[in-house]
Amino acid sequence: ISPASAIDETTLIRAAQRGDEDAFEQLVRSYDRAVLRLAM
């Protein structure tokens, strides 16, 4: 994660914690393949 994307990620996490469904969806899209690959 580059420093700029880390800030964006932190912003998305905070927004998702406040109930922002779009922010949560962006986070899921960012990690869904990695999570599935790890589980496999």
Full PDB file with SEQRES, HELIX, SHEET, SSBOND, CRYST1, ORIGX, SCALE, CONECT and MASTER records, all heavy atoms in Angstrom:
SEQRES   1 A   40  ILE SER PRO ALA SER ALA ILE ASP GLU THR THR LEU ILE          
SEQRES   2 A   40  ARG ALA ALA GLN ARG GLY ASP GLU ASP ALA PHE GLU GLN          
SEQRES   3 A   40  LEU VAL ARG SER TYR ASP ARG ALA VAL LEU ARG LEU ALA          
SEQRES   4 A   40  MET                                                          
HELIX    1 AA1 PRO A    3  GLN A   17  1                                  15    
HELIX    2 AA2 GLU A   21  ALA A   39  1                                  19    
CRYST1    1.000    1.000    1.000  90.00  90.00  90.00 P 1           1          
ORIGX1      1.000000  0.000000  0.000000        0.00000                         
ORIGX2      0.000000  1.000000  0.000000        0.00000                         
ORIGX3      0.000000  0.000000  1.000000        0.00000                         
SCALE1      1.000000  0.000000  0.000000        0.00000                         
SCALE2      0.000000  1.000000  0.000000        0.00000                         
SCALE3      0.000000  0.000000  1.000000        0.00000                         
ATOM      1  N   ILE A   1       0.851  -1.185   0.000  1.00  0.00           N  
ATOM      2  CA  ILE A   1       0.000   0.000   0.000  1.00  0.00           C  
ATOM      3  C   ILE A   1       0.881   1.227   0.000  1.00  0.00           C  
ATOM      4  O   ILE A   1       1.765   1.373   0.841  1.00  0.00           O  
ATOM      5  CB  ILE A   1      -0.919   0.015   1.245  1.00  0.00           C  
ATOM      6  CG1 ILE A   1      -1.817  -1.221   1.243  1.00  0.00           C  
ATOM      7  CG2 ILE A   1      -1.741   1.283   1.296  1.00  0.00           C  
ATOM      8  CD1 ILE A   1      -2.625  -1.384   2.504  1.00  0.00           C  
ATOM      9  N   SER A   2       0.656   2.092  -0.972  1.00  0.00           N  
ATOM     10  CA  SER A   2       1.409   3.336  -1.013  1.00  0.00           C  
ATOM     11  C   SER A   2       0.849   4.278   0.048  1.00  0.00           C  
ATOM     12  O   SER A   2      -0.288   4.122   0.484  1.00  0.00           O  
ATOM     13  CB  SER A   2       1.307   3.973  -2.396  1.00  0.00           C  
ATOM     14  OG  SER A   2      -0.010   4.425  -2.628  1.00  0.00           O  
ATOM     15  N   PRO A   3       1.624   5.268   0.486  1.00  0.00           N  
ATOM     16  CA  PRO A   3       1.136   6.195   1.509  1.00  0.00           C  
ATOM     17  C   PRO A   3      -0.182   6.861   1.119  1.00  0.00           C  
ATOM     18  O   PRO A   3      -1.078   7.002   1.941  1.00  0.00           O  
ATOM     19  CB  PRO A   3       2.264   7.211   1.647  1.00  0.00           C  
ATOM     20  CG  PRO A   3       3.495   6.471   1.227  1.00  0.00           C  
ATOM     21  CD  PRO A   3       3.019   5.522   0.142  1.00  0.00           C  
ATOM     22  N   ALA A   4      -0.338   7.249  -0.138  1.00  0.00           N  
ATOM     23  CA  ALA A   4      -1.576   7.901  -0.574  1.00  0.00           C  
ATOM     24  C   ALA A   4      -2.753   6.945  -0.493  1.00  0.00           C  
ATOM     25  O   ALA A   4      -3.835   7.314  -0.037  1.00  0.00           O  
ATOM     26  CB  ALA A   4      -1.430   8.436  -1.992  1.00  0.00           C  
ATOM     27  N   SER A   5      -2.561   5.696  -0.928  1.00  0.00           N  
ATOM     28  CA  SER A   5      -3.672   4.754  -0.873  1.00  0.00           C  
ATOM     29  C   SER A   5      -3.973   4.335   0.560  1.00  0.00           C  
ATOM     30  O   SER A   5      -5.104   3.985   0.876  1.00  0.00           O  
ATOM     31  CB  SER A   5      -3.408   3.543  -1.760  1.00  0.00           C  
ATOM     32  OG  SER A   5      -2.317   2.793  -1.300  1.00  0.00           O  
ATOM     33  N   ALA A   6      -2.958   4.373   1.442  1.00  0.00           N  
ATOM     34  CA  ALA A   6      -3.200   4.066   2.853  1.00  0.00           C  
ATOM     35  C   ALA A   6      -4.135   5.109   3.461  1.00  0.00           C  
ATOM     36  O   ALA A   6      -5.007   4.782   4.261  1.00  0.00           O  
ATOM     37  CB  ALA A   6      -1.889   4.005   3.624  1.00  0.00           C  
ATOM     38  N   ILE A   7      -3.967   6.362   3.062  1.00  0.00           N  
ATOM     39  CA  ILE A   7      -4.847   7.423   3.556  1.00  0.00           C  
ATOM     40  C   ILE A   7      -6.250   7.199   3.012  1.00  0.00           C  
ATOM     41  O   ILE A   7      -7.233   7.285   3.743  1.00  0.00           O  
ATOM     42  CB  ILE A   7      -4.307   8.805   3.148  1.00  0.00           C  
ATOM     43  CG1 ILE A   7      -3.001   9.088   3.891  1.00  0.00           C  
ATOM     44  CG2 ILE A   7      -5.344   9.900   3.442  1.00  0.00           C  
ATOM     45  CD1 ILE A   7      -2.231  10.283   3.367  1.00  0.00           C  
ATOM     46  N   ASP A   8      -6.351   6.883   1.721  1.00  0.00           N  
ATOM     47  CA  ASP A   8      -7.654   6.604   1.130  1.00  0.00           C  
ATOM     48  C   ASP A   8      -8.314   5.421   1.812  1.00  0.00           C  
ATOM     49  O   ASP A   8      -9.510   5.427   2.067  1.00  0.00           O  
ATOM     50  CB  ASP A   8      -7.527   6.324  -0.369  1.00  0.00           C  
ATOM     51  CG  ASP A   8      -7.101   7.552  -1.154  1.00  0.00           C  
ATOM     52  OD1 ASP A   8      -7.293   8.681  -0.650  1.00  0.00           O  
ATOM     53  OD2 ASP A   8      -6.574   7.376  -2.254  1.00  0.00           O  
ATOM     54  N   GLU A   9      -7.535   4.388   2.103  1.00  0.00           N  
ATOM     55  CA  GLU A   9      -8.067   3.202   2.762  1.00  0.00           C  
ATOM     56  C   GLU A   9      -8.572   3.562   4.161  1.00  0.00           C  
ATOM     57  O   GLU A   9      -9.645   3.123   4.561  1.00  0.00           O  
ATOM     58  CB  GLU A   9      -7.004   2.120   2.838  1.00  0.00           C  
ATOM     59  CG  GLU A   9      -7.517   0.831   3.432  1.00  0.00           C  
ATOM     60  CD  GLU A   9      -6.454  -0.228   3.406  1.00  0.00           C  
ATOM     61  OE1 GLU A   9      -5.549  -0.159   4.265  1.00  0.00           O  
ATOM     62  OE2 GLU A   9      -6.526  -1.119   2.538  1.00  0.00           O  
ATOM     63  N   THR A  10      -7.807   4.349   4.889  1.00  0.00           N  
ATOM     64  CA  THR A  10      -8.231   4.777   6.228  1.00  0.00           C  
ATOM     65  C   THR A  10      -9.530   5.568   6.146  1.00  0.00           C  
ATOM     66  O   THR A  10     -10.443   5.364   6.944  1.00  0.00           O  
ATOM     67  CB  THR A  10      -7.121   5.623   6.890  1.00  0.00           C  
ATOM     68  OG1 THR A  10      -5.944   4.823   6.996  1.00  0.00           O  
ATOM     69  CG2 THR A  10      -7.541   6.095   8.263  1.00  0.00           C  
ATOM     70  N   THR A  11      -9.627   6.442   5.168  1.00  0.00           N  
ATOM     71  CA  THR A  11     -10.844   7.225   4.969  1.00  0.00           C  
ATOM     72  C   THR A  11     -12.022   6.305   4.668  1.00  0.00           C  
ATOM     73  O   THR A  11     -13.122   6.489   5.205  1.00  0.00           O  
ATOM     74  CB  THR A  11     -10.644   8.240   3.820  1.00  0.00           C  
ATOM     75  OG1 THR A  11      -9.547   9.091   4.162  1.00  0.00           O  
ATOM     76  CG2 THR A  11     -11.892   9.073   3.597  1.00  0.00           C  
ATOM     77  N   LEU A  12     -11.801   5.324   3.803  1.00  0.00           N  
ATOM     78  CA  LEU A  12     -12.866   4.373   3.474  1.00  0.00           C  
ATOM     79  C   LEU A  12     -13.295   3.570   4.699  1.00  0.00           C  
ATOM     80  O   LEU A  12     -14.493   3.355   4.918  1.00  0.00           O  
ATOM     81  CB  LEU A  12     -12.401   3.413   2.373  1.00  0.00           C  
ATOM     82  CG  LEU A  12     -12.354   3.960   0.969  1.00  0.00           C  
ATOM     83  CD1 LEU A  12     -11.712   2.941   0.023  1.00  0.00           C  
ATOM     84  CD2 LEU A  12     -13.746   4.333   0.480  1.00  0.00           C  
ATOM     85  N   ILE A  13     -12.331   3.129   5.490  1.00  0.00           N  
ATOM     86  CA  ILE A  13     -12.648   2.356   6.697  1.00  0.00           C  
ATOM     87  C   ILE A  13     -13.494   3.191   7.650  1.00  0.00           C  
ATOM     88  O   ILE A  13     -14.518   2.720   8.167  1.00  0.00           O  
ATOM     89  CB  ILE A  13     -11.367   1.856   7.390  1.00  0.00           C  
ATOM     90  CG1 ILE A  13     -10.693   0.791   6.516  1.00  0.00           C  
ATOM     91  CG2 ILE A  13     -11.664   1.321   8.791  1.00  0.00           C  
ATOM     92  CD1 ILE A  13      -9.292   0.421   6.953  1.00  0.00           C  
ATOM     93  N   ARG A  14     -13.082   4.418   7.870  1.00  0.00           N  
ATOM     94  CA  ARG A  14     -13.851   5.284   8.780  1.00  0.00           C  
ATOM     95  C   ARG A  14     -15.256   5.543   8.257  1.00  0.00           C  
ATOM     96  O   ARG A  14     -16.225   5.550   9.012  1.00  0.00           O  
ATOM     97  CB  ARG A  14     -13.099   6.581   9.012  1.00  0.00           C  
ATOM     98  CG  ARG A  14     -11.867   6.362   9.876  1.00  0.00           C  
ATOM     99  CD  ARG A  14     -11.181   7.649  10.230  1.00  0.00           C  
ATOM    100  NE  ARG A  14     -10.030   7.358  11.086  1.00  0.00           N  
ATOM    101  CZ  ARG A  14      -8.905   8.013  11.053  1.00  0.00           C  
ATOM    102  NH1 ARG A  14      -8.744   9.013  10.218  1.00  0.00           N  
ATOM    103  NH2 ARG A  14      -7.919   7.695  11.862  1.00  0.00           N  
ATOM    104  N   ALA A  15     -15.374   5.759   6.948  1.00  0.00           N  
ATOM    105  CA  ALA A  15     -16.693   5.985   6.349  1.00  0.00           C  
ATOM    106  C   ALA A  15     -17.558   4.734   6.482  1.00  0.00           C  
ATOM    107  O   ALA A  15     -18.744   4.824   6.817  1.00  0.00           O  
ATOM    108  CB  ALA A  15     -16.535   6.386   4.883  1.00  0.00           C  
ATOM    109  N   ALA A  16     -16.970   3.574   6.242  1.00  0.00           N  
ATOM    110  CA  ALA A  16     -17.720   2.319   6.368  1.00  0.00           C  
ATOM    111  C   ALA A  16     -18.176   2.110   7.812  1.00  0.00           C  
ATOM    112  O   ALA A  16     -19.304   1.654   8.047  1.00  0.00           O  
ATOM    113  CB  ALA A  16     -16.861   1.151   5.899  1.00  0.00           C  
ATOM    114  N   GLN A  17     -17.333   2.458   8.766  1.00  0.00           N  
ATOM    115  CA  GLN A  17     -17.709   2.332  10.176  1.00  0.00           C  
ATOM    116  C   GLN A  17     -18.879   3.237  10.531  1.00  0.00           C  
ATOM    117  O   GLN A  17     -19.645   2.933  11.435  1.00  0.00           O  
ATOM    118  CB  GLN A  17     -16.510   2.655  11.076  1.00  0.00           C  
ATOM    119  CG  GLN A  17     -15.452   1.583  11.052  1.00  0.00           C  
ATOM    120  CD  GLN A  17     -14.195   1.987  11.797  1.00  0.00           C  
ATOM    121  OE1 GLN A  17     -13.835   3.157  11.863  1.00  0.00           O  
ATOM    122  NE2 GLN A  17     -13.513   1.003  12.349  1.00  0.00           N  
ATOM    123  N   ARG A  18     -19.011   4.343   9.787  1.00  0.00           N  
ATOM    124  CA  ARG A  18     -20.137   5.257  10.012  1.00  0.00           C  
ATOM    125  C   ARG A  18     -21.388   4.826   9.244  1.00  0.00           C  
ATOM    126  O   ARG A  18     -22.402   5.505   9.278  1.00  0.00           O  
ATOM    127  CB  ARG A  18     -19.753   6.681   9.602  1.00  0.00           C  
ATOM    128  CG  ARG A  18     -18.741   7.353  10.522  1.00  0.00           C  
ATOM    129  CD  ARG A  18     -18.585   8.838  10.203  1.00  0.00           C  
ATOM    130  NE  ARG A  18     -18.226   9.087   8.811  1.00  0.00           N  
ATOM    131  CZ  ARG A  18     -16.988   9.153   8.341  1.00  0.00           C  
ATOM    132  NH1 ARG A  18     -15.966   8.965   9.148  1.00  0.00           N  
ATOM    133  NH2 ARG A  18     -16.765   9.404   7.059  1.00  0.00           N  
ATOM    134  N   GLY A  19     -21.286   3.706   8.532  1.00  0.00           N  
ATOM    135  CA  GLY A  19     -22.442   3.189   7.829  1.00  0.00           C  
ATOM    136  C   GLY A  19     -22.494   3.500   6.343  1.00  0.00           C  
ATOM    137  O   GLY A  19     -23.507   3.241   5.694  1.00  0.00           O  
ATOM    138  N   ASP A  20     -21.416   4.020   5.784  1.00  0.00           N  
ATOM    139  CA  ASP A  20     -21.370   4.342   4.354  1.00  0.00           C  
ATOM    140  C   ASP A  20     -21.237   3.041   3.555  1.00  0.00           C  
ATOM    141  O   ASP A  20     -20.178   2.421   3.527  1.00  0.00           O  
ATOM    142  CB  ASP A  20     -20.197   5.272   4.070  1.00  0.00           C  
ATOM    143  CG  ASP A  20     -20.117   5.736   2.628  1.00  0.00           C  
ATOM    144  OD1 ASP A  20     -20.534   4.986   1.725  1.00  0.00           O  
ATOM    145  OD2 ASP A  20     -19.612   6.853   2.407  1.00  0.00           O  
ATOM    146  N   GLU A  21     -22.324   2.626   2.920  1.00  0.00           N  
ATOM    147  CA  GLU A  21     -22.341   1.367   2.188  1.00  0.00           C  
ATOM    148  C   GLU A  21     -21.425   1.390   0.963  1.00  0.00           C  
ATOM    149  O   GLU A  21     -20.834   0.367   0.609  1.00  0.00           O  
ATOM    150  CB  GLU A  21     -23.767   1.003   1.789  1.00  0.00           C  
ATOM    151  CG  GLU A  21     -24.623   0.658   2.990  1.00  0.00           C  
ATOM    152  CD  GLU A  21     -26.045   0.307   2.619  1.00  0.00           C  
ATOM    153  OE1 GLU A  21     -26.312  -0.028   1.444  1.00  0.00           O  
ATOM    154  OE2 GLU A  21     -26.898   0.353   3.514  1.00  0.00           O  
ATOM    155  N   ASP A  22     -21.297   2.526   0.316  1.00  0.00           N  
ATOM    156  CA  ASP A  22     -20.403   2.637  -0.844  1.00  0.00           C  
ATOM    157  C   ASP A  22     -18.947   2.436  -0.428  1.00  0.00           C  
ATOM    158  O   ASP A  22     -18.180   1.764  -1.122  1.00  0.00           O  
ATOM    159  CB  ASP A  22     -20.565   3.983  -1.543  1.00  0.00           C  
ATOM    160  CG  ASP A  22     -21.906   4.116  -2.249  1.00  0.00           C  
ATOM    161  OD1 ASP A  22     -22.463   3.081  -2.684  1.00  0.00           O  
ATOM    162  OD2 ASP A  22     -22.400   5.252  -2.359  1.00  0.00           O  
ATOM    163  N   ALA A  23     -18.571   3.012   0.690  1.00  0.00           N  
ATOM    164  CA  ALA A  23     -17.203   2.849   1.186  1.00  0.00           C  
ATOM    165  C   ALA A  23     -16.940   1.384   1.530  1.00  0.00           C  
ATOM    166  O   ALA A  23     -15.884   0.840   1.198  1.00  0.00           O  
ATOM    167  CB  ALA A  23     -16.974   3.737   2.412  1.00  0.00           C  
ATOM    168  N   PHE A  24     -17.915   0.749   2.174  1.00  0.00           N  
ATOM    169  CA  PHE A  24     -17.765  -0.670   2.515  1.00  0.00           C  
ATOM    170  C   PHE A  24     -17.615  -1.505   1.247  1.00  0.00           C  
ATOM    171  O   PHE A  24     -16.757  -2.383   1.161  1.00  0.00           O  
ATOM    172  CB  PHE A  24     -18.951  -1.159   3.341  1.00  0.00           C  
ATOM    173  CG  PHE A  24     -18.853  -2.603   3.716  1.00  0.00           C  
ATOM    174  CD1 PHE A  24     -17.967  -3.017   4.687  1.00  0.00           C  
ATOM    175  CD2 PHE A  24     -19.635  -3.553   3.078  1.00  0.00           C  
ATOM    176  CE1 PHE A  24     -17.860  -4.370   5.021  1.00  0.00           C  
ATOM    177  CE2 PHE A  24     -19.539  -4.896   3.402  1.00  0.00           C  
ATOM    178  CZ  PHE A  24     -18.654  -5.305   4.378  1.00  0.00           C  
ATOM    179  N   GLU A  25     -18.418  -1.209   0.239  1.00  0.00           N  
ATOM    180  CA  GLU A  25     -18.350  -1.943  -1.024  1.00  0.00           C  
ATOM    181  C   GLU A  25     -16.979  -1.788  -1.675  1.00  0.00           C  
ATOM    182  O   GLU A  25     -16.421  -2.754  -2.204  1.00  0.00           O  
ATOM    183  CB  GLU A  25     -19.439  -1.463  -1.978  1.00  0.00           C  
ATOM    184  CG  GLU A  25     -19.521  -2.271  -3.249  1.00  0.00           C  
ATOM    185  CD  GLU A  25     -20.676  -1.857  -4.128  1.00  0.00           C  
ATOM    186  OE1 GLU A  25     -21.682  -1.340  -3.624  1.00  0.00           O  
ATOM    187  OE2 GLU A  25     -20.545  -2.051  -5.347  1.00  0.00           O  
ATOM    188  N   GLN A  26     -16.423  -0.596  -1.630  1.00  0.00           N  
ATOM    189  CA  GLN A  26     -15.085  -0.380  -2.194  1.00  0.00           C  
ATOM    190  C   GLN A  26     -14.034  -1.198  -1.455  1.00  0.00           C  
ATOM    191  O   GLN A  26     -13.130  -1.763  -2.067  1.00  0.00           O  
ATOM    192  CB  GLN A  26     -14.709   1.104  -2.135  1.00  0.00           C  
ATOM    193  CG  GLN A  26     -15.395   1.933  -3.185  1.00  0.00           C  
ATOM    194  CD  GLN A  26     -14.920   3.366  -3.116  1.00  0.00           C  
ATOM    195  OE1 GLN A  26     -15.360   4.125  -2.250  1.00  0.00           O  
ATOM    196  NE2 GLN A  26     -14.031   3.725  -4.014  1.00  0.00           N  
ATOM    197  N   LEU A  27     -14.155  -1.262  -0.141  1.00  0.00           N  
ATOM    198  CA  LEU A  27     -13.209  -2.061   0.645  1.00  0.00           C  
ATOM    199  C   LEU A  27     -13.341  -3.545   0.309  1.00  0.00           C  
ATOM    200  O   LEU A  27     -12.332  -4.241   0.153  1.00  0.00           O  
ATOM    201  CB  LEU A  27     -13.435  -1.833   2.144  1.00  0.00           C  
ATOM    202  CG  LEU A  27     -12.974  -0.483   2.663  1.00  0.00           C  
ATOM    203  CD1 LEU A  27     -13.539  -0.217   4.049  1.00  0.00           C  
ATOM    204  CD2 LEU A  27     -11.451  -0.407   2.673  1.00  0.00           C  
ATOM    205  N   VAL A  28     -14.567  -4.024   0.211  1.00  0.00           N  
ATOM    206  CA  VAL A  28     -14.781  -5.429  -0.134  1.00  0.00           C  
ATOM    207  C   VAL A  28     -14.173  -5.723  -1.503  1.00  0.00           C  
ATOM    208  O   VAL A  28     -13.467  -6.721  -1.677  1.00  0.00           O  
ATOM    209  CB  VAL A  28     -16.285  -5.791  -0.107  1.00  0.00           C  
ATOM    210  CG1 VAL A  28     -16.530  -7.162  -0.732  1.00  0.00           C  
ATOM    211  CG2 VAL A  28     -16.819  -5.750   1.315  1.00  0.00           C  
ATOM    212  N   ARG A  29     -14.414  -4.857  -2.465  1.00  0.00           N  
ATOM    213  CA  ARG A  29     -13.853  -5.062  -3.807  1.00  0.00           C  
ATOM    214  C   ARG A  29     -12.326  -5.065  -3.782  1.00  0.00           C  
ATOM    215  O   ARG A  29     -11.689  -5.763  -4.571  1.00  0.00           O  
ATOM    216  CB  ARG A  29     -14.346  -3.985  -4.767  1.00  0.00           C  
ATOM    217  CG  ARG A  29     -15.777  -4.185  -5.171  1.00  0.00           C  
ATOM    218  CD  ARG A  29     -16.191  -3.159  -6.168  1.00  0.00           C  
ATOM    219  NE  ARG A  29     -17.593  -3.337  -6.529  1.00  0.00           N  
ATOM    220  CZ  ARG A  29     -18.279  -2.472  -7.215  1.00  0.00           C  
ATOM    221  NH1 ARG A  29     -17.716  -1.356  -7.644  1.00  0.00           N  
ATOM    222  NH2 ARG A  29     -19.539  -2.703  -7.502  1.00  0.00           N  
ATOM    223  N   SER A  30     -11.740  -4.291  -2.882  1.00  0.00           N  
ATOM    224  CA  SER A  30     -10.277  -4.227  -2.793  1.00  0.00           C  
ATOM    225  C   SER A  30      -9.674  -5.519  -2.244  1.00  0.00           C  
ATOM    226  O   SER A  30      -8.554  -5.874  -2.584  1.00  0.00           O  
ATOM    227  CB  SER A  30      -9.845  -3.071  -1.891  1.00  0.00           C  
ATOM    228  OG  SER A  30     -10.208  -1.845  -2.449  1.00  0.00           O  
ATOM    229  N   TYR A  31     -10.423  -6.194  -1.386  1.00  0.00           N  
ATOM    230  CA  TYR A  31      -9.864  -7.341  -0.675  1.00  0.00           C  
ATOM    231  C   TYR A  31     -10.506  -8.674  -1.005  1.00  0.00           C  
ATOM    232  O   TYR A  31     -10.014  -9.714  -0.568  1.00  0.00           O  
ATOM    233  CB  TYR A  31      -9.953  -7.109   0.841  1.00  0.00           C  
ATOM    234  CG  TYR A  31      -8.991  -6.060   1.299  1.00  0.00           C  
ATOM    235  CD1 TYR A  31      -9.404  -4.752   1.501  1.00  0.00           C  
ATOM    236  CD2 TYR A  31      -7.655  -6.369   1.491  1.00  0.00           C  
ATOM    237  CE1 TYR A  31      -8.502  -3.768   1.893  1.00  0.00           C  
ATOM    238  CE2 TYR A  31      -6.751  -5.402   1.893  1.00  0.00           C  
ATOM    239  CZ  TYR A  31      -7.185  -4.108   2.093  1.00  0.00           C  
ATOM    240  OH  TYR A  31      -6.294  -3.148   2.477  1.00  0.00           O  
ATOM    241  N   ASP A  32     -11.603  -8.692  -1.762  1.00  0.00           N  
ATOM    242  CA  ASP A  32     -12.339  -9.937  -1.921  1.00  0.00           C  
ATOM    243  C   ASP A  32     -11.515 -11.060  -2.542  1.00  0.00           C  
ATOM    244  O   ASP A  32     -11.532 -12.184  -2.047  1.00  0.00           O  
ATOM    245  CB  ASP A  32     -13.654  -9.726  -2.672  1.00  0.00           C  
ATOM    246  CG  ASP A  32     -13.489  -9.323  -4.127  1.00  0.00           C  
ATOM    247  OD1 ASP A  32     -12.393  -8.883  -4.525  1.00  0.00           O  
ATOM    248  OD2 ASP A  32     -14.473  -9.454  -4.856  1.00  0.00           O  
ATOM    249  N   ARG A  33     -10.754 -10.794  -3.572  1.00  0.00           N  
ATOM    250  CA  ARG A  33      -9.963 -11.854  -4.211  1.00  0.00           C  
ATOM    251  C   ARG A  33      -8.857 -12.367  -3.296  1.00  0.00           C  
ATOM    252  O   ARG A  33      -8.594 -13.566  -3.248  1.00  0.00           O  
ATOM    253  CB  ARG A  33      -9.380 -11.362  -5.522  1.00  0.00           C  
ATOM    254  CG  ARG A  33     -10.440 -11.198  -6.574  1.00  0.00           C  
ATOM    255  CD  ARG A  33      -9.857 -10.832  -7.905  1.00  0.00           C  
ATOM    256  NE  ARG A  33     -10.935 -10.689  -8.870  1.00  0.00           N  
ATOM    257  CZ  ARG A  33     -10.853  -9.975  -9.955  1.00  0.00           C  
ATOM    258  NH1 ARG A  33      -9.745  -9.328 -10.231  1.00  0.00           N  
ATOM    259  NH2 ARG A  33     -11.869  -9.897 -10.770  1.00  0.00           N  
ATOM    260  N   ALA A  34      -8.220 -11.459  -2.568  1.00  0.00           N  
ATOM    261  CA  ALA A  34      -7.142 -11.875  -1.666  1.00  0.00           C  
ATOM    262  C   ALA A  34      -7.697 -12.740  -0.537  1.00  0.00           C  
ATOM    263  O   ALA A  34      -7.067 -13.734  -0.147  1.00  0.00           O  
ATOM    264  CB  ALA A  34      -6.426 -10.658  -1.097  1.00  0.00           C  
ATOM    265  N   VAL A  35      -8.868 -12.390  -0.023  1.00  0.00           N  
ATOM    266  CA  VAL A  35      -9.479 -13.171   1.059  1.00  0.00           C  
ATOM    267  C   VAL A  35      -9.854 -14.562   0.546  1.00  0.00           C  
ATOM    268  O   VAL A  35      -9.586 -15.572   1.206  1.00  0.00           O  
ATOM    269  CB  VAL A  35     -10.704 -12.437   1.649  1.00  0.00           C  
ATOM    270  CG1 VAL A  35     -11.479 -13.335   2.604  1.00  0.00           C  
ATOM    271  CG2 VAL A  35     -10.264 -11.163   2.360  1.00  0.00           C  
ATOM    272  N   LEU A  36     -10.469 -14.620  -0.632  1.00  0.00           N  
ATOM    273  CA  LEU A  36     -10.853 -15.914  -1.188  1.00  0.00           C  
ATOM    274  C   LEU A  36      -9.608 -16.763  -1.481  1.00  0.00           C  
ATOM    275  O   LEU A  36      -9.580 -17.960  -1.191  1.00  0.00           O  
ATOM    276  CB  LEU A  36     -11.687 -15.737  -2.456  1.00  0.00           C  
ATOM    277  CG  LEU A  36     -12.231 -17.015  -3.080  1.00  0.00           C  
ATOM    278  CD1 LEU A  36     -13.062 -17.821  -2.085  1.00  0.00           C  
ATOM    279  CD2 LEU A  36     -13.052 -16.688  -4.315  1.00  0.00           C  
ATOM    280  N   ARG A  37      -8.575 -16.151  -2.035  1.00  0.00           N  
ATOM    281  CA  ARG A  37      -7.341 -16.883  -2.329  1.00  0.00           C  
ATOM    282  C   ARG A  37      -6.715 -17.440  -1.038  1.00  0.00           C  
ATOM    283  O   ARG A  37      -6.282 -18.591  -0.991  1.00  0.00           O  
ATOM    284  CB  ARG A  37      -6.352 -15.965  -3.052  1.00  0.00           C  
ATOM    285  CG  ARG A  37      -5.133 -16.658  -3.562  1.00  0.00           C  
ATOM    286  CD  ARG A  37      -4.244 -15.808  -4.480  1.00  0.00           C  
ATOM    287  NE  ARG A  37      -4.154 -14.398  -4.133  1.00  0.00           N  
ATOM    288  CZ  ARG A  37      -4.762 -13.412  -4.822  1.00  0.00           C  
ATOM    289  NH1 ARG A  37      -5.506 -13.689  -5.866  1.00  0.00           N  
ATOM    290  NH2 ARG A  37      -4.617 -12.161  -4.448  1.00  0.00           N  
ATOM    291  N   LEU A  38      -6.691 -16.646   0.006  1.00  0.00           N  
ATOM    292  CA  LEU A  38      -6.155 -17.103   1.285  1.00  0.00           C  
ATOM    293  C   LEU A  38      -6.970 -18.276   1.826  1.00  0.00           C  
ATOM    294  O   LEU A  38      -6.412 -19.281   2.277  1.00  0.00           O  
ATOM    295  CB  LEU A  38      -6.144 -15.952   2.299  1.00  0.00           C  
ATOM    296  CG  LEU A  38      -5.701 -16.304   3.710  1.00  0.00           C  
ATOM    297  CD1 LEU A  38      -4.254 -16.793   3.723  1.00  0.00           C  
ATOM    298  CD2 LEU A  38      -5.871 -15.104   4.618  1.00  0.00           C  
ATOM    299  N   ALA A  39      -8.291 -18.153   1.763  1.00  0.00           N  
ATOM    300  CA  ALA A  39      -9.159 -19.240   2.238  1.00  0.00           C  
ATOM    301  C   ALA A  39      -8.909 -20.517   1.438  1.00  0.00           C  
ATOM    302  O   ALA A  39      -8.846 -21.617   2.006  1.00  0.00           O  
ATOM    303  CB  ALA A  39     -10.621 -18.820   2.162  1.00  0.00           C  
ATOM    304  N   MET A  40      -8.759 -20.386   0.118  1.00  0.00           N  
ATOM    305  CA  MET A  40      -8.485 -21.562  -0.720  1.00  0.00           C  
ATOM    306  C   MET A  40      -7.151 -22.206  -0.347  1.00  0.00           C  
ATOM    307  O   MET A  40      -7.051 -23.428  -0.253  1.00  0.00           O  
ATOM    308  CB  MET A  40      -8.460 -21.167  -2.199  1.00  0.00           C  
ATOM    309  CG  MET A  40      -9.818 -20.949  -2.799  1.00  0.00           C  
ATOM    310  SD  MET A  40     -10.766 -22.474  -2.959  1.00  0.00           S  
ATOM    311  CE  MET A  40      -9.761 -23.372  -4.119  1.00  0.00           C  
TER     312      MET A  40                                                      
MASTER        0    0    0    2    0    0    0    6  311    1    0    4          
END                                                                             
